[in-house]
Amino acid sequence: MSDAAQPREPAGLPRDLTEAELEHAPVLESVDDLLIENLTDVEADAFYAALDA
């Protein structure tokens, strides 16, 4: 079977982390670490609403 016909994982979907990767992944100490500078008021409101969801 040619490479083009080989079934593949969907592009754009991340793979699961391995146990080792998960153990070494960064952990946010505070939601303030997620703050993004220069957001408009509308963008900031949407951002905080998403955090509350």
N, C-alpha and C. Protein backbone atom coordinates (compact mmCIF):
# COMPACT_ATOMS: atom_id res chain seq x y z
N MET A 1 0.86 -1.17 0.00
CA MET A 1 0.00 0.00 0.00
C MET A 1 0.90 1.23 0.00
N SER A 2 0.58 2.21 -0.83
CA SER A 2 1.40 3.42 -0.90
C SER A 2 1.22 4.26 0.36
N ASP A 3 2.17 5.16 0.58
CA ASP A 3 2.08 6.04 1.76
C ASP A 3 0.80 6.86 1.75
N ALA A 4 0.38 7.30 0.59
CA ALA A 4 -0.82 8.13 0.50
C ALA A 4 -2.06 7.36 0.93
N ALA A 5 -2.04 6.04 0.76
CA ALA A 5 -3.21 5.23 1.11
C ALA A 5 -3.17 4.74 2.56
N GLN A 6 -2.06 4.97 3.25
CA GLN A 6 -1.94 4.52 4.63
C GLN A 6 -2.86 5.34 5.53
N PRO A 7 -3.61 4.69 6.40
CA PRO A 7 -4.42 5.46 7.35
C PRO A 7 -3.51 6.20 8.32
N ARG A 8 -3.88 7.41 8.67
CA ARG A 8 -3.07 8.23 9.57
C ARG A 8 -3.92 8.82 10.66
N GLU A 9 -3.24 9.31 11.66
CA GLU A 9 -3.92 10.05 12.71
C GLU A 9 -4.38 11.37 12.10
N PRO A 10 -5.52 11.88 12.55
CA PRO A 10 -5.98 13.16 12.01
C PRO A 10 -4.97 14.27 12.32
N ALA A 11 -4.66 15.05 11.31
CA ALA A 11 -3.73 16.16 11.50
C ALA A 11 -4.35 17.20 12.42
N GLY A 12 -3.53 17.79 13.26
CA GLY A 12 -4.01 18.85 14.12
C GLY A 12 -4.47 18.39 15.48
N LEU A 13 -4.63 17.10 15.68
CA LEU A 13 -5.04 16.61 16.99
C LEU A 13 -3.79 16.20 17.77
N PRO A 14 -3.65 16.69 18.99
CA PRO A 14 -2.46 16.32 19.76
C PRO A 14 -2.54 14.89 20.25
N ARG A 15 -1.41 14.31 20.47
CA ARG A 15 -1.37 12.97 21.04
C ARG A 15 -1.41 13.09 22.55
N ASP A 16 -1.73 12.02 23.23
CA ASP A 16 -1.71 12.01 24.69
C ASP A 16 -0.26 12.08 25.17
N LEU A 17 -0.06 12.73 26.30
CA LEU A 17 1.27 12.79 26.90
C LEU A 17 1.61 11.44 27.52
N THR A 18 2.89 11.11 27.46
CA THR A 18 3.33 9.91 28.16
C THR A 18 3.38 10.22 29.65
N GLU A 19 3.51 9.20 30.48
CA GLU A 19 3.60 9.42 31.93
C GLU A 19 4.79 10.32 32.26
N ALA A 20 5.93 10.09 31.62
CA ALA A 20 7.13 10.89 31.88
C ALA A 20 6.90 12.35 31.48
N GLU A 21 6.27 12.57 30.32
CA GLU A 21 6.00 13.94 29.88
C GLU A 21 5.03 14.63 30.83
N LEU A 22 4.03 13.89 31.28
CA LEU A 22 3.05 14.46 32.19
C LEU A 22 3.68 14.85 33.53
N GLU A 23 4.59 14.02 34.03
CA GLU A 23 5.28 14.32 35.28
C GLU A 23 6.14 15.57 35.18
N HIS A 24 6.68 15.84 34.00
CA HIS A 24 7.56 16.99 33.81
C HIS A 24 6.86 18.20 33.20
N ALA A 25 5.57 18.11 33.00
CA ALA A 25 4.82 19.23 32.42
C ALA A 25 4.74 20.38 33.43
N PRO A 26 4.78 21.61 32.92
CA PRO A 26 4.68 22.75 33.84
C PRO A 26 3.28 22.82 34.46
N VAL A 27 3.24 23.31 35.67
CA VAL A 27 1.98 23.46 36.39
C VAL A 27 1.81 24.94 36.72
N LEU A 28 0.65 25.48 36.40
CA LEU A 28 0.38 26.88 36.71
C LEU A 28 0.12 27.02 38.20
N GLU A 29 0.81 27.94 38.82
CA GLU A 29 0.60 28.20 40.23
C GLU A 29 -0.62 29.10 40.44
N SER A 30 -0.94 29.89 39.43
CA SER A 30 -2.03 30.84 39.55
C SER A 30 -2.62 31.09 38.17
N VAL A 31 -3.90 31.41 38.15
CA VAL A 31 -4.55 31.77 36.89
C VAL A 31 -3.94 33.06 36.34
N ASP A 32 -3.32 33.84 37.19
CA ASP A 32 -2.67 35.07 36.73
C ASP A 32 -1.54 34.79 35.74
N ASP A 33 -0.99 33.58 35.79
CA ASP A 33 0.04 33.20 34.83
C ASP A 33 -0.49 33.14 33.40
N LEU A 34 -1.82 33.06 33.26
CA LEU A 34 -2.44 32.99 31.95
C LEU A 34 -2.74 34.37 31.35
N LEU A 35 -2.53 35.41 32.12
CA LEU A 35 -2.91 36.74 31.66
C LEU A 35 -2.20 37.10 30.36
N ILE A 36 -2.95 37.71 29.48
CA ILE A 36 -2.44 38.11 28.17
C ILE A 36 -2.51 39.63 28.08
N GLU A 37 -1.41 40.24 27.72
CA GLU A 37 -1.37 41.70 27.63
C GLU A 37 -2.10 42.20 26.39
N ASN A 38 -2.55 43.43 26.47
CA ASN A 38 -3.14 44.15 25.34
C ASN A 38 -4.46 43.57 24.83
N LEU A 39 -5.24 42.95 25.70
CA LEU A 39 -6.56 42.49 25.30
C LEU A 39 -7.53 43.66 25.35
N THR A 40 -8.47 43.67 24.42
CA THR A 40 -9.54 44.66 24.50
C THR A 40 -10.45 44.27 25.65
N ASP A 41 -11.32 45.16 26.06
CA ASP A 41 -12.26 44.84 27.14
C ASP A 41 -13.14 43.64 26.78
N VAL A 42 -13.58 43.59 25.53
CA VAL A 42 -14.43 42.49 25.07
C VAL A 42 -13.65 41.17 25.12
N GLU A 43 -12.40 41.19 24.65
CA GLU A 43 -11.58 39.99 24.68
C GLU A 43 -11.30 39.55 26.12
N ALA A 44 -11.01 40.51 26.98
CA ALA A 44 -10.74 40.18 28.39
C ALA A 44 -11.98 39.57 29.05
N ASP A 45 -13.15 40.15 28.78
CA ASP A 45 -14.38 39.61 29.34
C ASP A 45 -14.61 38.17 28.88
N ALA A 46 -14.37 37.91 27.60
CA ALA A 46 -14.55 36.57 27.05
C ALA A 46 -13.53 35.60 27.67
N PHE A 47 -12.32 36.07 27.87
CA PHE A 47 -11.27 35.25 28.46
C PHE A 47 -11.65 34.85 29.88
N TYR A 48 -12.06 35.82 30.69
CA TYR A 48 -12.43 35.53 32.08
C TYR A 48 -13.70 34.67 32.15
N ALA A 49 -14.61 34.86 31.23
CA ALA A 49 -15.81 34.01 31.20
C ALA A 49 -15.43 32.56 30.90
N ALA A 50 -14.46 32.38 30.01
CA ALA A 50 -14.01 31.02 29.67
C ALA A 50 -13.32 30.37 30.87
N LEU A 51 -12.59 31.15 31.66
CA LEU A 51 -11.93 30.61 32.84
C LEU A 51 -12.94 30.18 33.89
N ASP A 52 -14.05 30.90 33.96
CA ASP A 52 -15.08 30.59 34.95
C ASP A 52 -15.93 29.40 34.56
N ALA A 53 -15.90 29.04 33.27
CA ALA A 53 -16.75 27.96 32.77
C ALA A 53 -16.29 26.60 33.24
